[in-house]
């Protein structure tokens, strides 16, 4: 039986951005796998089905790695900065 997955919506308000991507442990930190879509309010969104457990992620806004302002949970990474953390227990 396949592991149960949970629907997670990632979003960031970036009305001036040309391109926003979602990168994290769930896609091997790919800078091309998960482009996000902008709605009429300038909010970029991406829905992922993720397995239970802890997942680290960041947004790539016009080439700049950016923390999710809507997620207060962060952990240090090997680059001396922080990653956002979600725990799907």
N, C-alpha and C. Protein backbone atom coordinates (compact mmCIF):
# COMPACT_ATOMS: atom_id res chain seq x y z
N UNK A 1 0.84 -1.19 0.00
CA UNK A 1 0.00 0.00 0.00
C UNK A 1 0.88 1.25 0.00
N UNK A 2 0.55 2.22 -0.80
CA UNK A 2 1.34 3.44 -0.91
C UNK A 2 1.20 4.28 0.36
N UNK A 3 2.27 5.02 0.65
CA UNK A 3 2.24 5.90 1.82
C UNK A 3 1.18 6.97 1.63
N UNK A 4 0.50 7.30 2.70
CA UNK A 4 -0.54 8.33 2.64
C UNK A 4 0.11 9.68 2.41
N UNK A 5 -0.47 10.44 1.50
CA UNK A 5 0.06 11.77 1.19
C UNK A 5 -0.94 12.84 1.61
N UNK A 6 -0.42 14.02 1.88
CA UNK A 6 -1.26 15.13 2.30
C UNK A 6 -1.14 16.26 1.28
N UNK A 7 -2.27 16.88 0.97
CA UNK A 7 -2.30 18.01 0.03
C UNK A 7 -1.84 19.26 0.77
N UNK A 8 -0.79 19.89 0.25
CA UNK A 8 -0.24 21.10 0.87
C UNK A 8 -0.21 22.20 -0.18
N UNK A 9 -0.76 23.37 0.19
CA UNK A 9 -0.70 24.51 -0.72
C UNK A 9 0.39 25.46 -0.22
N UNK A 10 1.37 25.70 -1.08
CA UNK A 10 2.43 26.66 -0.81
C UNK A 10 2.05 27.96 -1.49
N UNK A 11 2.27 29.09 -0.82
CA UNK A 11 1.94 30.36 -1.47
C UNK A 11 2.82 31.48 -0.93
N UNK A 12 3.07 32.46 -1.81
CA UNK A 12 3.84 33.63 -1.43
C UNK A 12 3.33 34.82 -2.24
N UNK A 13 3.17 35.95 -1.56
CA UNK A 13 2.74 37.18 -2.24
C UNK A 13 3.98 37.85 -2.83
N UNK A 14 4.04 37.91 -4.15
CA UNK A 14 5.17 38.53 -4.86
C UNK A 14 4.66 39.09 -6.18
N UNK A 15 3.85 40.18 -6.11
CA UNK A 15 3.20 40.68 -7.32
C UNK A 15 4.15 41.16 -8.41
N UNK A 16 5.36 41.59 -8.04
CA UNK A 16 6.31 42.10 -9.04
C UNK A 16 7.15 40.99 -9.66
N UNK A 17 7.09 39.79 -9.10
CA UNK A 17 7.95 38.70 -9.58
C UNK A 17 7.57 38.26 -10.99
N UNK A 18 8.58 37.87 -11.74
CA UNK A 18 8.38 37.32 -13.08
C UNK A 18 8.25 35.80 -13.05
N UNK A 19 8.95 35.17 -12.09
CA UNK A 19 8.98 33.71 -12.03
C UNK A 19 9.23 33.30 -10.58
N UNK A 20 8.43 32.36 -10.09
CA UNK A 20 8.61 31.82 -8.74
C UNK A 20 8.56 30.30 -8.82
N UNK A 21 9.51 29.66 -8.16
CA UNK A 21 9.57 28.20 -8.10
C UNK A 21 9.57 27.74 -6.66
N UNK A 22 9.14 26.51 -6.45
CA UNK A 22 9.16 25.88 -5.14
C UNK A 22 10.25 24.83 -5.15
N UNK A 23 11.15 24.89 -4.16
CA UNK A 23 12.23 23.90 -4.07
C UNK A 23 12.30 23.39 -2.64
N UNK A 24 12.60 22.10 -2.51
CA UNK A 24 12.69 21.54 -1.17
C UNK A 24 13.17 20.11 -1.18
N UNK A 25 13.16 19.52 0.00
CA UNK A 25 13.62 18.14 0.14
C UNK A 25 12.75 17.18 -0.66
N UNK A 26 11.50 17.57 -0.94
CA UNK A 26 10.56 16.72 -1.67
C UNK A 26 10.82 16.70 -3.17
N UNK A 27 11.65 17.61 -3.69
CA UNK A 27 12.00 17.58 -5.12
C UNK A 27 13.52 17.70 -5.34
N UNK A 28 14.28 17.28 -4.33
CA UNK A 28 15.74 17.31 -4.37
C UNK A 28 16.28 18.74 -4.63
N UNK A 29 15.58 19.74 -4.10
CA UNK A 29 15.96 21.15 -4.22
C UNK A 29 16.08 21.58 -5.68
N UNK A 30 15.23 21.05 -6.51
CA UNK A 30 15.25 21.38 -7.94
C UNK A 30 14.83 22.83 -8.18
N UNK A 31 15.59 23.52 -9.03
CA UNK A 31 15.23 24.89 -9.38
C UNK A 31 14.43 24.95 -10.68
N UNK A 32 13.86 23.80 -11.09
CA UNK A 32 13.04 23.80 -12.31
C UNK A 32 11.80 22.92 -12.23
N UNK A 33 11.74 22.00 -11.27
CA UNK A 33 10.66 21.00 -11.22
C UNK A 33 9.29 21.58 -10.90
N UNK A 34 9.22 22.55 -9.98
CA UNK A 34 7.92 23.00 -9.48
C UNK A 34 7.69 24.50 -9.65
N UNK A 35 7.43 24.94 -10.90
CA UNK A 35 7.08 26.35 -11.07
C UNK A 35 5.73 26.64 -10.42
N UNK A 36 5.60 27.86 -9.91
CA UNK A 36 4.35 28.26 -9.25
C UNK A 36 3.55 29.12 -10.19
N UNK A 37 2.26 29.25 -9.90
CA UNK A 37 1.35 30.02 -10.76
C UNK A 37 0.85 31.25 -10.01
N UNK A 38 0.88 32.40 -10.68
CA UNK A 38 0.43 33.66 -10.08
C UNK A 38 -1.06 33.86 -10.31
N UNK A 39 -1.77 34.26 -9.24
CA UNK A 39 -3.19 34.58 -9.40
C UNK A 39 -3.36 36.09 -9.57
N UNK A 40 -4.60 36.56 -9.64
CA UNK A 40 -4.88 37.98 -9.93
C UNK A 40 -4.45 38.92 -8.80
N UNK A 41 -4.18 38.38 -7.61
CA UNK A 41 -3.76 39.23 -6.49
C UNK A 41 -2.24 39.34 -6.39
N UNK A 42 -1.51 38.62 -7.25
CA UNK A 42 -0.06 38.61 -7.17
C UNK A 42 0.48 37.54 -6.24
N UNK A 43 -0.41 36.65 -5.81
CA UNK A 43 0.02 35.53 -4.96
C UNK A 43 0.37 34.34 -5.85
N UNK A 44 1.55 33.79 -5.62
CA UNK A 44 2.01 32.61 -6.36
C UNK A 44 1.67 31.37 -5.54
N UNK A 45 1.15 30.34 -6.21
CA UNK A 45 0.68 29.15 -5.50
C UNK A 45 1.15 27.87 -6.20
N UNK A 46 1.34 26.84 -5.39
CA UNK A 46 1.66 25.50 -5.90
C UNK A 46 1.11 24.50 -4.91
N UNK A 47 0.38 23.51 -5.41
CA UNK A 47 -0.14 22.44 -4.56
C UNK A 47 0.71 21.20 -4.78
N UNK A 48 1.14 20.59 -3.67
CA UNK A 48 1.93 19.36 -3.72
C UNK A 48 1.26 18.31 -2.84
N UNK A 49 1.37 17.07 -3.25
CA UNK A 49 0.94 15.94 -2.42
C UNK A 49 2.21 15.39 -1.78
N UNK A 50 2.34 15.56 -0.47
CA UNK A 50 3.57 15.18 0.21
C UNK A 50 3.32 14.06 1.21
N UNK A 51 4.29 13.16 1.34
CA UNK A 51 4.16 12.10 2.35
C UNK A 51 4.32 12.67 3.75
N UNK A 52 3.84 11.94 4.73
CA UNK A 52 4.00 12.37 6.12
C UNK A 52 5.48 12.48 6.44
N UNK A 53 5.80 13.36 7.37
CA UNK A 53 7.18 13.57 7.77
C UNK A 53 7.55 15.04 7.72
N UNK A 54 8.84 15.30 7.88
CA UNK A 54 9.35 16.67 7.89
C UNK A 54 9.90 17.03 6.51
N UNK A 55 9.53 18.21 6.05
CA UNK A 55 9.98 18.68 4.74
C UNK A 55 10.55 20.09 4.86
N UNK A 56 11.73 20.30 4.31
CA UNK A 56 12.32 21.64 4.25
C UNK A 56 12.08 22.20 2.86
N UNK A 57 11.90 23.53 2.79
CA UNK A 57 11.65 24.15 1.48
C UNK A 57 12.00 25.63 1.50
N UNK A 58 12.08 26.20 0.30
CA UNK A 58 12.23 27.63 0.08
C UNK A 58 11.58 27.95 -1.26
N UNK A 59 11.30 29.23 -1.47
CA UNK A 59 10.85 29.70 -2.78
C UNK A 59 12.06 30.28 -3.52
N UNK A 60 12.03 30.21 -4.84
CA UNK A 60 13.03 30.89 -5.66
C UNK A 60 12.28 31.96 -6.43
N UNK A 61 12.44 33.20 -6.00
CA UNK A 61 11.72 34.34 -6.57
C UNK A 61 12.68 35.09 -7.48
N UNK A 62 12.44 35.01 -8.79
CA UNK A 62 13.32 35.64 -9.78
C UNK A 62 14.79 35.33 -9.50
N UNK A 63 15.07 34.06 -9.20
CA UNK A 63 16.45 33.61 -9.00
C UNK A 63 16.98 33.76 -7.59
N UNK A 64 16.22 34.39 -6.69
CA UNK A 64 16.68 34.58 -5.31
C UNK A 64 15.98 33.60 -4.38
N UNK A 65 16.78 32.84 -3.60
CA UNK A 65 16.21 31.90 -2.64
C UNK A 65 15.58 32.70 -1.51
N UNK A 66 14.30 32.43 -1.23
CA UNK A 66 13.51 33.27 -0.34
C UNK A 66 12.73 32.40 0.65
N UNK A 67 12.78 32.79 1.93
CA UNK A 67 11.98 32.10 2.94
C UNK A 67 10.51 32.42 2.75
N UNK A 68 9.66 31.53 3.21
CA UNK A 68 8.21 31.70 3.19
C UNK A 68 7.82 32.58 4.38
N UNK A 69 7.36 33.81 4.13
CA UNK A 69 6.97 34.68 5.25
C UNK A 69 5.76 34.17 6.02
N UNK A 70 5.02 33.25 5.44
CA UNK A 70 3.84 32.70 6.10
C UNK A 70 4.13 31.47 6.94
N UNK A 71 5.39 31.05 7.00
CA UNK A 71 5.77 29.85 7.77
C UNK A 71 6.81 30.23 8.81
N UNK A 72 6.43 30.25 10.09
CA UNK A 72 7.36 30.67 11.13
C UNK A 72 8.44 29.64 11.47
N UNK A 73 8.27 28.39 11.04
CA UNK A 73 9.21 27.34 11.42
C UNK A 73 10.37 27.27 10.43
N UNK A 74 11.59 27.43 10.95
CA UNK A 74 12.78 27.36 10.11
C UNK A 74 13.84 26.50 10.78
N UNK A 75 14.75 26.00 9.97
CA UNK A 75 15.90 25.24 10.45
C UNK A 75 17.14 25.74 9.70
N UNK A 76 18.31 25.70 10.35
CA UNK A 76 19.53 26.11 9.64
C UNK A 76 19.88 25.12 8.53
N UNK A 77 20.50 25.63 7.47
CA UNK A 77 20.96 24.75 6.39
C UNK A 77 22.48 24.84 6.26
N UNK A 78 23.05 24.05 5.36
CA UNK A 78 24.50 23.99 5.21
C UNK A 78 25.10 25.22 4.54
N UNK A 79 24.26 26.15 4.09
CA UNK A 79 24.74 27.37 3.43
C UNK A 79 24.82 28.55 4.40
N UNK A 80 24.53 28.30 5.68
CA UNK A 80 24.60 29.38 6.66
C UNK A 80 23.34 30.23 6.71
N UNK A 81 22.28 29.78 6.04
CA UNK A 81 21.01 30.49 6.07
C UNK A 81 19.96 29.56 6.66
N UNK A 82 18.70 29.85 6.43
CA UNK A 82 17.60 29.06 6.99
C UNK A 82 16.75 28.47 5.87
N UNK A 83 16.10 27.36 6.16
CA UNK A 83 15.06 26.78 5.32
C UNK A 83 13.77 26.76 6.11
N UNK A 84 12.64 26.88 5.43
CA UNK A 84 11.36 26.68 6.09
C UNK A 84 11.17 25.20 6.35
N UNK A 85 10.37 24.90 7.38
CA UNK A 85 10.12 23.52 7.77
C UNK A 85 8.63 23.31 7.98
N UNK A 86 8.10 22.26 7.36
CA UNK A 86 6.74 21.83 7.66
C UNK A 86 6.80 20.39 8.13
N UNK A 87 5.99 20.09 9.12
CA UNK A 87 5.96 18.76 9.71
C UNK A 87 4.56 18.18 9.50
N UNK A 88 4.47 17.19 8.62
CA UNK A 88 3.19 16.55 8.33
C UNK A 88 3.12 15.24 9.11
N UNK A 89 2.78 15.32 10.38
CA UNK A 89 2.73 14.11 11.22
C UNK A 89 1.43 13.37 11.04
